[in-house]
């Protein structure tokens, strides 16, 4: 598990032994899984556990703002996107 970003009281993590599609796990009071490339090219929420809606919005905003950097980190850890 690699923490790749911290902001807004959230921690964004990429698991080293994780699977495609490219995604991150965001931890705050709860946690969320967010695909870095949804069907429209924007980040896409996969699931949420224990996060308030406001925290989910912060997580989505953070991942959207840092999408390019997070995709680059995913590729550095896992190799080319498929």
PDB file of N, CA and C in Angstrom:
ATOM      1  N   UNK A   1       0.856  -1.172   0.000  1.00  0.00           N
ATOM      2  CA  UNK A   1       0.000   0.000   0.000  1.00  0.00           C
ATOM      3  C   UNK A   1       0.900   1.232   0.000  1.00  0.00           C
ATOM      4  N   UNK A   2       0.628   2.135  -0.952  1.00  0.00           N
ATOM      5  CA  UNK A   2       1.417   3.346  -1.085  1.00  0.00           C
ATOM      6  C   UNK A   2       0.477   4.546  -0.980  1.00  0.00           C
ATOM      7  N   UNK A   3       0.736   5.425  -0.013  1.00  0.00           N
ATOM      8  CA  UNK A   3      -0.019   6.678   0.061  1.00  0.00           C
ATOM      9  C   UNK A   3       0.561   7.594  -1.005  1.00  0.00           C
ATOM     10  N   UNK A   4      -0.283   8.011  -1.956  1.00  0.00           N
ATOM     11  CA  UNK A   4       0.190   8.804  -3.084  1.00  0.00           C
ATOM     12  C   UNK A   4      -0.227  10.264  -3.006  1.00  0.00           C
ATOM     13  N   UNK A   5      -1.176  10.601  -2.130  1.00  0.00           N
ATOM     14  CA  UNK A   5      -1.612  11.991  -2.006  1.00  0.00           C
ATOM     15  C   UNK A   5      -2.339  12.168  -0.680  1.00  0.00           C
ATOM     16  N   UNK A   6      -2.204  13.346  -0.101  1.00  0.00           N
ATOM     17  CA  UNK A   6      -2.954  13.725   1.101  1.00  0.00           C
ATOM     18  C   UNK A   6      -3.469  15.143   0.909  1.00  0.00           C
ATOM     19  N   UNK A   7      -4.754  15.338   1.156  1.00  0.00           N
ATOM     20  CA  UNK A   7      -5.355  16.670   1.081  1.00  0.00           C
ATOM     21  C   UNK A   7      -6.768  16.591   1.626  1.00  0.00           C
ATOM     22  N   UNK A   8      -7.281  17.730   2.070  1.00  0.00           N
ATOM     23  CA  UNK A   8      -8.665  17.836   2.556  1.00  0.00           C
ATOM     24  C   UNK A   8      -8.967  16.833   3.663  1.00  0.00           C
ATOM     25  N   UNK A   9      -7.969  16.432   4.440  1.00  0.00           N
ATOM     26  CA  UNK A   9      -8.169  15.446   5.494  1.00  0.00           C
ATOM     27  C   UNK A   9      -8.328  14.031   4.977  1.00  0.00           C
ATOM     28  N   UNK A  10      -7.944  13.794   3.731  1.00  0.00           N
ATOM     29  CA  UNK A  10      -8.077  12.479   3.094  1.00  0.00           C
ATOM     30  C   UNK A  10      -6.706  11.935   2.716  1.00  0.00           C
ATOM     31  N   UNK A  11      -6.624  10.624   2.644  1.00  0.00           N
ATOM     32  CA  UNK A  11      -5.400   9.933   2.223  1.00  0.00           C
ATOM     33  C   UNK A  11      -5.745   9.070   1.021  1.00  0.00           C
ATOM     34  N   UNK A  12      -5.023   9.260  -0.079  1.00  0.00           N
ATOM     35  CA  UNK A  12      -5.255   8.516  -1.321  1.00  0.00           C
ATOM     36  C   UNK A  12      -4.179   7.439  -1.435  1.00  0.00           C
ATOM     37  N   UNK A  13      -4.625   6.193  -1.634  1.00  0.00           N
ATOM     38  CA  UNK A  13      -3.741   5.035  -1.597  1.00  0.00           C
ATOM     39  C   UNK A  13      -3.892   4.213  -2.877  1.00  0.00           C
ATOM     40  N   UNK A  14      -2.750   3.686  -3.342  1.00  0.00           N
ATOM     41  CA  UNK A  14      -2.744   2.670  -4.400  1.00  0.00           C
ATOM     42  C   UNK A  14      -2.110   1.425  -3.786  1.00  0.00           C
ATOM     43  N   UNK A  15      -2.807   0.312  -3.854  1.00  0.00           N
ATOM     44  CA  UNK A  15      -2.273  -0.945  -3.344  1.00  0.00           C
ATOM     45  C   UNK A  15      -1.320  -1.538  -4.376  1.00  0.00           C
ATOM     46  N   UNK A  16      -0.152  -1.970  -3.932  1.00  0.00           N
ATOM     47  CA  UNK A  16       0.890  -2.477  -4.817  1.00  0.00           C
ATOM     48  C   UNK A  16       0.451  -3.752  -5.532  1.00  0.00           C
ATOM     49  N   UNK A  17      -0.302  -4.607  -4.860  1.00  0.00           N
ATOM     50  CA  UNK A  17      -0.714  -5.878  -5.466  1.00  0.00           C
ATOM     51  C   UNK A  17      -2.147  -5.825  -5.998  1.00  0.00           C
ATOM     52  N   UNK A  18      -2.596  -4.640  -6.400  1.00  0.00           N
ATOM     53  CA  UNK A  18      -3.981  -4.458  -6.841  1.00  0.00           C
ATOM     54  C   UNK A  18      -4.131  -4.802  -8.320  1.00  0.00           C
ATOM     55  N   UNK A  19      -5.310  -4.652  -8.843  1.00  0.00           N
ATOM     56  CA  UNK A  19      -5.720  -5.115 -10.167  1.00  0.00           C
ATOM     57  C   UNK A  19      -6.237  -3.955 -11.008  1.00  0.00           C
ATOM     58  N   UNK A  20      -6.365  -4.190 -12.298  1.00  0.00           N
ATOM     59  CA  UNK A  20      -7.018  -3.249 -13.213  1.00  0.00           C
ATOM     60  C   UNK A  20      -8.521  -3.254 -12.942  1.00  0.00           C
ATOM     61  N   UNK A  21      -9.254  -2.238 -13.274  1.00  0.00           N
ATOM     62  CA  UNK A  21      -8.822  -0.986 -13.887  1.00  0.00           C
ATOM     63  C   UNK A  21      -8.107  -0.097 -12.877  1.00  0.00           C
ATOM     64  N   UNK A  22      -7.404   0.906 -13.409  1.00  0.00           N
ATOM     65  CA  UNK A  22      -6.661   1.841 -12.560  1.00  0.00           C
ATOM     66  C   UNK A  22      -7.628   2.517 -11.594  1.00  0.00           C
ATOM     67  N   UNK A  23      -7.312   2.439 -10.298  1.00  0.00           N
ATOM     68  CA  UNK A  23      -8.184   3.027  -9.287  1.00  0.00           C
ATOM     69  C   UNK A  23      -7.384   3.359  -8.036  1.00  0.00           C
ATOM     70  N   UNK A  24      -8.010   4.150  -7.178  1.00  0.00           N
ATOM     71  CA  UNK A  24      -7.411   4.492  -5.889  1.00  0.00           C
ATOM     72  C   UNK A  24      -8.425   4.200  -4.791  1.00  0.00           C
ATOM     73  N   UNK A  25      -7.897   4.063  -3.592  1.00  0.00           N
ATOM     74  CA  UNK A  25      -8.712   3.947  -2.390  1.00  0.00           C
ATOM     75  C   UNK A  25      -8.486   5.229  -1.604  1.00  0.00           C
ATOM     76  N   UNK A  26      -9.555   5.859  -1.187  1.00  0.00           N
ATOM     77  CA  UNK A  26      -9.458   7.118  -0.444  1.00  0.00           C
ATOM     78  C   UNK A  26      -9.966   6.867   0.963  1.00  0.00           C
ATOM     79  N   UNK A  27      -9.139   7.215   1.948  1.00  0.00           N
ATOM     80  CA  UNK A  27      -9.472   7.012   3.355  1.00  0.00           C
ATOM     81  C   UNK A  27      -9.658   8.347   4.047  1.00  0.00           C
ATOM     82  N   UNK A  28     -10.722   8.441   4.806  1.00  0.00           N
ATOM     83  CA  UNK A  28     -11.014   9.582   5.664  1.00  0.00           C
ATOM     84  C   UNK A  28     -11.665   9.002   6.893  1.00  0.00           C
ATOM     85  N   UNK A  29     -12.886   9.432   7.210  1.00  0.00           N
ATOM     86  CA  UNK A  29     -13.639   8.799   8.294  1.00  0.00           C
ATOM     87  C   UNK A  29     -14.093   7.405   7.885  1.00  0.00           C
ATOM     88  N   UNK A  30     -14.262   7.215   6.598  1.00  0.00           N
ATOM     89  CA  UNK A  30     -14.591   5.915   6.017  1.00  0.00           C
ATOM     90  C   UNK A  30     -13.634   5.693   4.866  1.00  0.00           C
ATOM     91  N   UNK A  31     -14.116   5.012   3.841  1.00  0.00           N
ATOM     92  CA  UNK A  31     -13.272   4.808   2.673  1.00  0.00           C
ATOM     93  C   UNK A  31     -14.108   4.707   1.409  1.00  0.00           C
ATOM     94  N   UNK A  32     -13.456   4.968   0.283  1.00  0.00           N
ATOM     95  CA  UNK A  32     -14.114   4.882  -1.014  1.00  0.00           C
ATOM     96  C   UNK A  32     -13.116   4.328  -2.024  1.00  0.00           C
ATOM     97  N   UNK A  33     -13.643   3.654  -3.018  1.00  0.00           N
ATOM     98  CA  UNK A  33     -12.841   3.198  -4.153  1.00  0.00           C
ATOM     99  C   UNK A  33     -13.291   4.009  -5.353  1.00  0.00           C
ATOM    100  N   UNK A  34     -12.328   4.596  -6.067  1.00  0.00           N
ATOM    101  CA  UNK A  34     -12.638   5.457  -7.204  1.00  0.00           C
ATOM    102  C   UNK A  34     -11.795   5.027  -8.398  1.00  0.00           C
ATOM    103  N   UNK A  35     -12.464   4.646  -9.491  1.00  0.00           N
ATOM    104  CA  UNK A  35     -11.755   4.353 -10.737  1.00  0.00           C
ATOM    105  C   UNK A  35     -11.209   5.666 -11.289  1.00  0.00           C
ATOM    106  N   UNK A  36      -9.988   5.641 -11.768  1.00  0.00           N
ATOM    107  CA  UNK A  36      -9.373   6.856 -12.284  1.00  0.00           C
ATOM    108  C   UNK A  36      -9.900   7.239 -13.659  1.00  0.00           C
ATOM    109  N   UNK A  37     -10.381   6.272 -14.415  1.00  0.00           N
ATOM    110  CA  UNK A  37     -10.941   6.534 -15.747  1.00  0.00           C
ATOM    111  C   UNK A  37     -12.297   5.858 -15.870  1.00  0.00           C
ATOM    112  N   UNK A  38     -13.357   6.632 -15.690  1.00  0.00           N
ATOM    113  CA  UNK A  38     -14.699   6.105 -15.878  1.00  0.00           C
ATOM    114  C   UNK A  38     -15.049   6.071 -17.353  1.00  0.00           C
ATOM    115  N   UNK A  39     -16.273   5.706 -17.661  1.00  0.00           N
ATOM    116  CA  UNK A  39     -16.728   5.579 -19.049  1.00  0.00           C
ATOM    117  C   UNK A  39     -16.563   6.881 -19.835  1.00  0.00           C
ATOM    118  N   UNK A  40     -16.723   8.027 -19.166  1.00  0.00           N
ATOM    119  CA  UNK A  40     -16.607   9.321 -19.851  1.00  0.00           C
ATOM    120  C   UNK A  40     -15.213   9.938 -19.723  1.00  0.00           C
ATOM    121  N   UNK A  41     -14.269   9.187 -19.161  1.00  0.00           N
ATOM    122  CA  UNK A  41     -12.908   9.690 -19.005  1.00  0.00           C
ATOM    123  C   UNK A  41     -12.639  10.375 -17.683  1.00  0.00           C
ATOM    124  N   UNK A  42     -13.695  10.653 -16.929  1.00  0.00           N
ATOM    125  CA  UNK A  42     -13.557  11.265 -15.612  1.00  0.00           C
ATOM    126  C   UNK A  42     -13.498  10.176 -14.545  1.00  0.00           C
ATOM    127  N   UNK A  43     -12.986  10.501 -13.354  1.00  0.00           N
ATOM    128  CA  UNK A  43     -13.017   9.519 -12.263  1.00  0.00           C
ATOM    129  C   UNK A  43     -14.450   9.072 -11.965  1.00  0.00           C
ATOM    130  N   UNK A  44     -14.587   7.827 -11.510  1.00  0.00           N
ATOM    131  CA  UNK A  44     -15.908   7.236 -11.287  1.00  0.00           C
ATOM    132  C   UNK A  44     -15.928   6.540  -9.923  1.00  0.00           C
ATOM    133  N   UNK A  45     -16.893   6.890  -9.107  1.00  0.00           N
ATOM    134  CA  UNK A  45     -17.049   6.274  -7.797  1.00  0.00           C
ATOM    135  C   UNK A  45     -17.505   4.830  -7.952  1.00  0.00           C
ATOM    136  N   UNK A  46     -16.791   3.899  -7.308  1.00  0.00           N
ATOM    137  CA  UNK A  46     -17.121   2.477  -7.383  1.00  0.00           C
ATOM    138  C   UNK A  46     -17.946   2.072  -6.164  1.00  0.00           C
ATOM    139  N   UNK A  47     -17.441   2.376  -4.954  1.00  0.00           N
ATOM    140  CA  UNK A  47     -18.182   2.080  -3.735  1.00  0.00           C
ATOM    141  C   UNK A  47     -17.700   2.989  -2.604  1.00  0.00           C
ATOM    142  N   UNK A  48     -18.538   3.076  -1.585  1.00  0.00           N
ATOM    143  CA  UNK A  48     -18.261   3.896  -0.406  1.00  0.00           C
ATOM    144  C   UNK A  48     -18.614   3.089   0.836  1.00  0.00           C
ATOM    145  N   UNK A  49     -17.808   3.237   1.876  1.00  0.00           N
ATOM    146  CA  UNK A  49     -18.096   2.587   3.150  1.00  0.00           C
ATOM    147  C   UNK A  49     -17.786   3.560   4.287  1.00  0.00           C
ATOM    148  N   UNK A  50     -18.823   4.061   4.933  1.00  0.00           N
ATOM    149  CA  UNK A  50     -18.659   4.883   6.123  1.00  0.00           C
ATOM    150  C   UNK A  50     -18.316   6.338   5.901  1.00  0.00           C
ATOM    151  N   UNK A  51     -18.356   6.820   4.676  1.00  0.00           N
ATOM    152  CA  UNK A  51     -18.067   8.233   4.404  1.00  0.00           C
ATOM    153  C   UNK A  51     -19.365   9.011   4.297  1.00  0.00           C
ATOM    154  N   UNK A  52     -19.380  10.199   4.874  1.00  0.00           N
ATOM    155  CA  UNK A  52     -20.506  11.114   4.704  1.00  0.00           C
ATOM    156  C   UNK A  52     -20.482  11.635   3.262  1.00  0.00           C
ATOM    157  N   UNK A  53     -21.629  12.087   2.785  1.00  0.00           N
ATOM    158  CA  UNK A  53     -21.705  12.598   1.408  1.00  0.00           C
ATOM    159  C   UNK A  53     -20.718  13.727   1.167  1.00  0.00           C
ATOM    160  N   UNK A  54     -20.547  14.608   2.147  1.00  0.00           N
ATOM    161  CA  UNK A  54     -19.612  15.723   1.980  1.00  0.00           C
ATOM    162  C   UNK A  54     -18.183  15.215   1.818  1.00  0.00           C
ATOM    163  N   UNK A  55     -17.834  14.148   2.536  1.00  0.00           N
ATOM    164  CA  UNK A  55     -16.503  13.575   2.422  1.00  0.00           C
ATOM    165  C   UNK A  55     -16.326  12.886   1.065  1.00  0.00           C
ATOM    166  N   UNK A  56     -17.368  12.251   0.576  1.00  0.00           N
ATOM    167  CA  UNK A  56     -17.320  11.634  -0.757  1.00  0.00           C
ATOM    168  C   UNK A  56     -17.109  12.720  -1.809  1.00  0.00           C
ATOM    169  N   UNK A  57     -17.801  13.840  -1.680  1.00  0.00           N
ATOM    170  CA  UNK A  57     -17.616  14.947  -2.634  1.00  0.00           C
ATOM    171  C   UNK A  57     -16.173  15.453  -2.597  1.00  0.00           C
ATOM    172  N   UNK A  58     -15.601  15.581  -1.397  1.00  0.00           N
ATOM    173  CA  UNK A  58     -14.197  16.006  -1.272  1.00  0.00           C
ATOM    174  C   UNK A  58     -13.273  14.997  -1.939  1.00  0.00           C
ATOM    175  N   UNK A  59     -13.542  13.714  -1.722  1.00  0.00           N
ATOM    176  CA  UNK A  59     -12.719  12.656  -2.322  1.00  0.00           C
ATOM    177  C   UNK A  59     -12.793  12.719  -3.850  1.00  0.00           C
ATOM    178  N   UNK A  60     -13.981  12.863  -4.379  1.00  0.00           N
ATOM    179  CA  UNK A  60     -14.147  12.931  -5.831  1.00  0.00           C
ATOM    180  C   UNK A  60     -13.459  14.180  -6.391  1.00  0.00           C
ATOM    181  N   UNK A  61     -13.573  15.299  -5.692  1.00  0.00           N
ATOM    182  CA  UNK A  61     -12.921  16.531  -6.142  1.00  0.00           C
ATOM    183  C   UNK A  61     -11.406  16.351  -6.147  1.00  0.00           C
ATOM    184  N   UNK A  62     -10.868  15.768  -5.085  1.00  0.00           N
ATOM    185  CA  UNK A  62      -9.431  15.538  -4.989  1.00  0.00           C
ATOM    186  C   UNK A  62      -8.937  14.650  -6.125  1.00  0.00           C
ATOM    187  N   UNK A  63      -9.622  13.542  -6.361  1.00  0.00           N
ATOM    188  CA  UNK A  63      -9.204  12.619  -7.419  1.00  0.00           C
ATOM    189  C   UNK A  63      -9.343  13.279  -8.791  1.00  0.00           C
ATOM    190  N   UNK A  64     -10.387  14.058  -8.990  1.00  0.00           N
ATOM    191  CA  UNK A  64     -10.550  14.776 -10.268  1.00  0.00           C
ATOM    192  C   UNK A  64      -9.424  15.782 -10.481  1.00  0.00           C
ATOM    193  N   UNK A  65      -9.105  16.540  -9.436  1.00  0.00           N
ATOM    194  CA  UNK A  65      -8.039  17.546  -9.531  1.00  0.00           C
ATOM    195  C   UNK A  65      -6.680  16.903  -9.813  1.00  0.00           C
ATOM    196  N   UNK A  66      -6.438  15.737  -9.275  1.00  0.00           N
ATOM    197  CA  UNK A  66      -5.139  15.078  -9.366  1.00  0.00           C
ATOM    198  C   UNK A  66      -5.145  13.870 -10.297  1.00  0.00           C
ATOM    199  N   UNK A  67      -6.150  13.773 -11.164  1.00  0.00           N
ATOM    200  CA  UNK A  67      -6.316  12.595 -12.014  1.00  0.00           C
ATOM    201  C   UNK A  67      -5.052  12.250 -12.795  1.00  0.00           C
ATOM    202  N   UNK A  68      -4.450  13.214 -13.465  1.00  0.00           N
ATOM    203  CA  UNK A  68      -3.266  12.945 -14.284  1.00  0.00           C
ATOM    204  C   UNK A  68      -2.111  12.436 -13.420  1.00  0.00           C
ATOM    205  N   UNK A  69      -1.878  13.065 -12.285  1.00  0.00           N
ATOM    206  CA  UNK A  69      -0.793  12.646 -11.394  1.00  0.00           C
ATOM    207  C   UNK A  69      -1.055  11.253 -10.833  1.00  0.00           C
ATOM    208  N   UNK A  70      -2.316  10.972 -10.485  1.00  0.00           N
ATOM    209  CA  UNK A  70      -2.664   9.656  -9.939  1.00  0.00           C
ATOM    210  C   UNK A  70      -2.534   8.564 -10.998  1.00  0.00           C
ATOM    211  N   UNK A  71      -2.924   8.869 -12.227  1.00  0.00           N
ATOM    212  CA  UNK A  71      -2.738   7.895 -13.319  1.00  0.00           C
ATOM    213  C   UNK A  71      -1.254   7.619 -13.548  1.00  0.00           C
ATOM    214  N   UNK A  72      -0.435   8.649 -13.475  1.00  0.00           N
ATOM    215  CA  UNK A  72       1.003   8.465 -13.640  1.00  0.00           C
ATOM    216  C   UNK A  72       1.569   7.582 -12.528  1.00  0.00           C
ATOM    217  N   UNK A  73       1.109   7.787 -11.297  1.00  0.00           N
ATOM    218  CA  UNK A  73       1.571   6.940 -10.182  1.00  0.00           C
ATOM    219  C   UNK A  73       1.107   5.499 -10.362  1.00  0.00           C
ATOM    220  N   UNK A  74      -0.161   5.311 -10.821  1.00  0.00           N
ATOM    221  CA  UNK A  74      -0.666   3.956 -11.070  1.00  0.00           C
ATOM    222  C   UNK A  74       0.249   3.253 -12.074  1.00  0.00           C
ATOM    223  N   UNK A  75       0.570   3.948 -13.182  1.00  0.00           N
ATOM    224  CA  UNK A  75       1.425   3.350 -14.218  1.00  0.00           C
ATOM    225  C   UNK A  75       2.823   3.055 -13.681  1.00  0.00           C
ATOM    226  N   UNK A  76       3.350   3.926 -12.829  1.00  0.00           N
ATOM    227  CA  UNK A  76       4.680   3.689 -12.262  1.00  0.00           C
ATOM    228  C   UNK A  76       4.674   2.442 -11.372  1.00  0.00           C
ATOM    229  N   UNK A  77       3.596   2.241 -10.639  1.00  0.00           N
ATOM    230  CA  UNK A  77       3.481   1.087  -9.728  1.00  0.00           C
ATOM    231  C   UNK A  77       3.107  -0.186 -10.474  1.00  0.00           C
ATOM    232  N   UNK A  78       2.128  -0.094 -11.402  1.00  0.00           N
ATOM    233  CA  UNK A  78       1.547  -1.289 -12.021  1.00  0.00           C
ATOM    234  C   UNK A  78       1.909  -1.484 -13.489  1.00  0.00           C
ATOM    235  N   UNK A  79       2.529  -0.518 -14.103  1.00  0.00           N
ATOM    236  CA  UNK A  79       2.837  -0.639 -15.521  1.00  0.00           C
ATOM    237  C   UNK A  79       1.752   0.002 -16.364  1.00  0.00           C
ATOM    238  N   UNK A  80       1.860  -0.205 -17.662  1.00  0.00           N
ATOM    239  CA  UNK A  80       0.984   0.416 -18.652  1.00  0.00           C
ATOM    240  C   UNK A  80      -0.489   0.157 -18.377  1.00  0.00           C
ATOM    241  N   UNK A  81      -1.315   1.183 -18.625  1.00  0.00           N
ATOM    242  CA  UNK A  81      -2.770   1.013 -18.505  1.00  0.00           C
ATOM    243  C   UNK A  81      -3.274   0.174 -19.664  1.00  0.00           C
ATOM    244  N   UNK A  82      -4.210  -0.721 -19.398  1.00  0.00           N
ATOM    245  CA  UNK A  82      -4.809  -1.537 -20.462  1.00  0.00           C
ATOM    246  C   UNK A  82      -6.221  -1.096 -20.716  1.00  0.00           C
TER     247      UNK A  82
END
